[in-house]
Amino acid sequence: MDSDELKREAASWVDAGRLDDLPPGSMRRIDDASQRVLIANVAGTPLAVADTCTHEDASLSMGALDGETVRCPLHGSRFCLRDGRAMDEPAEIDLACFAVRVSHGRLQVCIPDSDTPR
């Protein structure tokens, strides 16, 4: 078993609410015991990244969603929701990304266990 398989096994699918409650162009934060996650509906595709800006501890859910990017409400850094890439300074570190699936009309986000390295 390679390290990627071990990482996948040491994760849990967390319920993130009904897909119908997250219309295209909207986003919200979900709080798991080990992680705050921003989930956004980008043109019908749900995407999930870490909710905390990598520059300062600002919640990106309080920022602005523009297409497939989110802008931090504190200093304006933008992040790509598809790959977590930090696109503007002052942020230089990318966001963690999480797998999202839809099951029976409900969004689910795959959150690594808190002791699993990323």
C-alpha atoms as a PDB file:
ATOM      1  CA  MET A   1       0.000   0.000   0.000  1.00  0.00           C
ATOM      2  CA  ASP A   2       1.500   3.374  -0.984  1.00  0.00           C
ATOM      3  CA  SER A   3       1.302   6.588   1.062  1.00  0.00           C
ATOM      4  CA  ASP A   4      -1.589   7.982  -1.027  1.00  0.00           C
ATOM      5  CA  GLU A   5      -3.665   4.893  -0.248  1.00  0.00           C
ATOM      6  CA  LEU A   6      -2.881   5.243   3.460  1.00  0.00           C
ATOM      7  CA  LYS A   7      -3.965   8.890   3.384  1.00  0.00           C
ATOM      8  CA  ARG A   8      -7.268   7.986   1.700  1.00  0.00           C
ATOM      9  CA  GLU A   9      -7.944   5.323   4.314  1.00  0.00           C
ATOM     10  CA  ALA A  10      -7.280   7.718   7.207  1.00  0.00           C
ATOM     11  CA  ALA A  11     -10.101  10.085   6.272  1.00  0.00           C
ATOM     12  CA  SER A  12     -13.820  10.431   6.863  1.00  0.00           C
ATOM     13  CA  TRP A  13     -16.663  11.642   4.684  1.00  0.00           C
ATOM     14  CA  VAL A  14     -18.407  14.460   6.543  1.00  0.00           C
ATOM     15  CA  ASP A  15     -21.950  15.596   5.748  1.00  0.00           C
ATOM     16  CA  ALA A  16     -21.986  19.188   4.448  1.00  0.00           C
ATOM     17  CA  GLY A  17     -25.723  19.650   3.982  1.00  0.00           C
ATOM     18  CA  ARG A  18     -28.111  19.445   1.065  1.00  0.00           C
ATOM     19  CA  LEU A  19     -26.813  20.247  -2.399  1.00  0.00           C
ATOM     20  CA  ASP A  20     -30.006  22.284  -2.984  1.00  0.00           C
ATOM     21  CA  ASP A  21     -28.995  24.575  -0.095  1.00  0.00           C
ATOM     22  CA  LEU A  22     -25.774  25.565  -1.890  1.00  0.00           C
ATOM     23  CA  PRO A  23     -26.868  27.100  -5.206  1.00  0.00           C
ATOM     24  CA  PRO A  24     -24.308  27.964  -7.905  1.00  0.00           C
ATOM     25  CA  GLY A  25     -22.302  31.039  -6.966  1.00  0.00           C
ATOM     26  CA  SER A  26     -22.639  30.520  -3.215  1.00  0.00           C
ATOM     27  CA  MET A  27     -20.324  29.268  -0.490  1.00  0.00           C
ATOM     28  CA  ARG A  28     -20.376  28.442   3.209  1.00  0.00           C
ATOM     29  CA  ARG A  29     -18.167  27.119   5.947  1.00  0.00           C
ATOM     30  CA  ILE A  30     -18.549  23.773   7.615  1.00  0.00           C
ATOM     31  CA  ASP A  31     -16.886  23.022  10.924  1.00  0.00           C
ATOM     32  CA  ASP A  32     -15.615  19.527  11.517  1.00  0.00           C
ATOM     33  CA  ALA A  33     -13.982  18.551  14.803  1.00  0.00           C
ATOM     34  CA  SER A  34     -10.559  18.765  13.165  1.00  0.00           C
ATOM     35  CA  GLN A  35     -11.006  21.216  10.282  1.00  0.00           C
ATOM     36  CA  ARG A  36     -12.851  24.311   9.060  1.00  0.00           C
ATOM     37  CA  VAL A  37     -13.745  23.810   5.406  1.00  0.00           C
ATOM     38  CA  LEU A  38     -15.033  26.249   2.801  1.00  0.00           C
ATOM     39  CA  ILE A  39     -17.397  24.591   0.353  1.00  0.00           C
ATOM     40  CA  ALA A  40     -18.441  26.521  -2.756  1.00  0.00           C
ATOM     41  CA  ASN A  41     -20.689  25.781  -5.706  1.00  0.00           C
ATOM     42  CA  VAL A  42     -18.764  26.886  -8.795  1.00  0.00           C
ATOM     43  CA  ALA A  43     -21.065  26.730 -11.825  1.00  0.00           C
ATOM     44  CA  GLY A  44     -22.753  23.589 -10.487  1.00  0.00           C
ATOM     45  CA  THR A  45     -19.568  21.910  -9.242  1.00  0.00           C
ATOM     46  CA  PRO A  46     -19.072  21.735  -5.471  1.00  0.00           C
ATOM     47  CA  LEU A  47     -15.459  22.404  -4.438  1.00  0.00           C
ATOM     48  CA  ALA A  48     -13.904  22.364  -0.976  1.00  0.00           C
ATOM     49  CA  VAL A  49     -10.748  23.947   0.448  1.00  0.00           C
ATOM     50  CA  ALA A  50      -9.454  24.875   3.890  1.00  0.00           C
ATOM     51  CA  ASP A  51     -11.439  27.863   5.155  1.00  0.00           C
ATOM     52  CA  THR A  52      -8.569  29.696   6.862  1.00  0.00           C
ATOM     53  CA  CYS A  53      -6.435  32.090   4.812  1.00  0.00           C
ATOM     54  CA  THR A  54      -2.799  30.969   4.806  1.00  0.00           C
ATOM     55  CA  HIS A  55      -1.564  34.539   5.350  1.00  0.00           C
ATOM     56  CA  GLU A  56      -3.576  35.345   8.481  1.00  0.00           C
ATOM     57  CA  ASP A  57      -6.299  33.554  10.386  1.00  0.00           C
ATOM     58  CA  ALA A  58      -9.221  35.000   8.453  1.00  0.00           C
ATOM     59  CA  SER A  59     -12.234  32.879   7.486  1.00  0.00           C
ATOM     60  CA  LEU A  60     -12.496  32.785   3.713  1.00  0.00           C
ATOM     61  CA  SER A  61     -16.229  32.160   4.037  1.00  0.00           C
ATOM     62  CA  MET A  62     -16.492  35.845   4.964  1.00  0.00           C
ATOM     63  CA  GLY A  63     -14.719  36.802   1.729  1.00  0.00           C
ATOM     64  CA  ALA A  64     -15.944  37.211  -1.834  1.00  0.00           C
ATOM     65  CA  LEU A  65     -16.598  34.391  -4.286  1.00  0.00           C
ATOM     66  CA  ASP A  66     -15.791  35.284  -7.892  1.00  0.00           C
ATOM     67  CA  GLY A  67     -16.089  32.412 -10.335  1.00  0.00           C
ATOM     68  CA  GLU A  68     -13.634  29.780  -9.172  1.00  0.00           C
ATOM     69  CA  THR A  69     -11.710  32.071  -6.828  1.00  0.00           C
ATOM     70  CA  VAL A  70     -12.316  33.318  -3.300  1.00  0.00           C
ATOM     71  CA  ARG A  71     -10.879  36.580  -1.976  1.00  0.00           C
ATOM     72  CA  CYS A  72      -9.764  36.834   1.644  1.00  0.00           C
ATOM     73  CA  PRO A  73     -11.744  39.491   3.550  1.00  0.00           C
ATOM     74  CA  LEU A  74      -8.686  40.643   5.487  1.00  0.00           C
ATOM     75  CA  HIS A  75      -5.932  41.494   2.983  1.00  0.00           C
ATOM     76  CA  GLY A  76      -7.462  40.576  -0.386  1.00  0.00           C
ATOM     77  CA  SER A  77      -5.408  37.515  -1.330  1.00  0.00           C
ATOM     78  CA  ARG A  78      -7.215  35.327  -3.851  1.00  0.00           C
ATOM     79  CA  PHE A  79      -7.197  31.532  -3.909  1.00  0.00           C
ATOM     80  CA  CYS A  80      -8.224  29.154  -6.692  1.00  0.00           C
ATOM     81  CA  LEU A  81     -10.952  26.816  -5.438  1.00  0.00           C
ATOM     82  CA  ARG A  82     -10.034  24.100  -7.942  1.00  0.00           C
ATOM     83  CA  ASP A  83      -6.459  23.562  -6.753  1.00  0.00           C
ATOM     84  CA  GLY A  84      -6.067  25.742  -3.620  1.00  0.00           C
ATOM     85  CA  ARG A  85      -3.374  27.865  -5.276  1.00  0.00           C
ATOM     86  CA  ALA A  86      -2.579  31.217  -3.657  1.00  0.00           C
ATOM     87  CA  MET A  87      -2.922  33.678  -6.534  1.00  0.00           C
ATOM     88  CA  ASP A  88      -2.130  37.036  -4.894  1.00  0.00           C
ATOM     89  CA  GLU A  89       0.124  38.336  -2.179  1.00  0.00           C
ATOM     90  CA  PRO A  90       0.319  38.619   0.719  1.00  0.00           C
ATOM     91  CA  ALA A  91      -0.659  34.900   0.813  1.00  0.00           C
ATOM     92  CA  GLU A  92       2.066  32.655  -0.554  1.00  0.00           C
ATOM     93  CA  ILE A  93       0.992  29.245   0.760  1.00  0.00           C
ATOM     94  CA  ASP A  94      -1.690  27.242  -1.039  1.00  0.00           C
ATOM     95  CA  LEU A  95      -4.837  25.973   0.659  1.00  0.00           C
ATOM     96  CA  ALA A  96      -5.518  22.308   1.340  1.00  0.00           C
ATOM     97  CA  CYS A  97      -8.154  20.880  -1.018  1.00  0.00           C
ATOM     98  CA  PHE A  98     -10.737  18.245  -0.118  1.00  0.00           C
ATOM     99  CA  ALA A  99     -12.655  15.755  -2.231  1.00  0.00           C
ATOM    100  CA  VAL A 100     -16.400  16.407  -2.489  1.00  0.00           C
ATOM    101  CA  ARG A 101     -19.131  14.015  -3.527  1.00  0.00           C
ATOM    102  CA  VAL A 102     -22.917  14.096  -3.697  1.00  0.00           C
ATOM    103  CA  SER A 103     -24.815  11.184  -2.207  1.00  0.00           C
ATOM    104  CA  HIS A 104     -28.625  11.091  -2.182  1.00  0.00           C
ATOM    105  CA  GLY A 105     -28.755  14.879  -2.703  1.00  0.00           C
ATOM    106  CA  ARG A 106     -26.345  15.608   0.172  1.00  0.00           C
ATOM    107  CA  LEU A 107     -22.865  17.055  -0.070  1.00  0.00           C
ATOM    108  CA  GLN A 108     -20.073  15.115   1.576  1.00  0.00           C
ATOM    109  CA  VAL A 109     -16.499  16.299   2.088  1.00  0.00           C
ATOM    110  CA  CYS A 110     -13.574  13.942   2.674  1.00  0.00           C
ATOM    111  CA  ILE A 111     -11.697  15.219   5.747  1.00  0.00           C
ATOM    112  CA  PRO A 112      -8.361  13.628   6.720  1.00  0.00           C
ATOM    113  CA  ASP A 113      -8.198  12.370  10.270  1.00  0.00           C
ATOM    114  CA  SER A 114      -6.506  14.914  12.522  1.00  0.00           C
ATOM    115  CA  ASP A 115      -3.393  12.750  12.986  1.00  0.00           C
ATOM    116  CA  THR A 116      -2.935  12.098   9.250  1.00  0.00           C
ATOM    117  CA  PRO A 117      -0.134  14.113   7.608  1.00  0.00           C
ATOM    118  CA  ARG A 118      -1.162  16.104   4.515  1.00  0.00           C
END
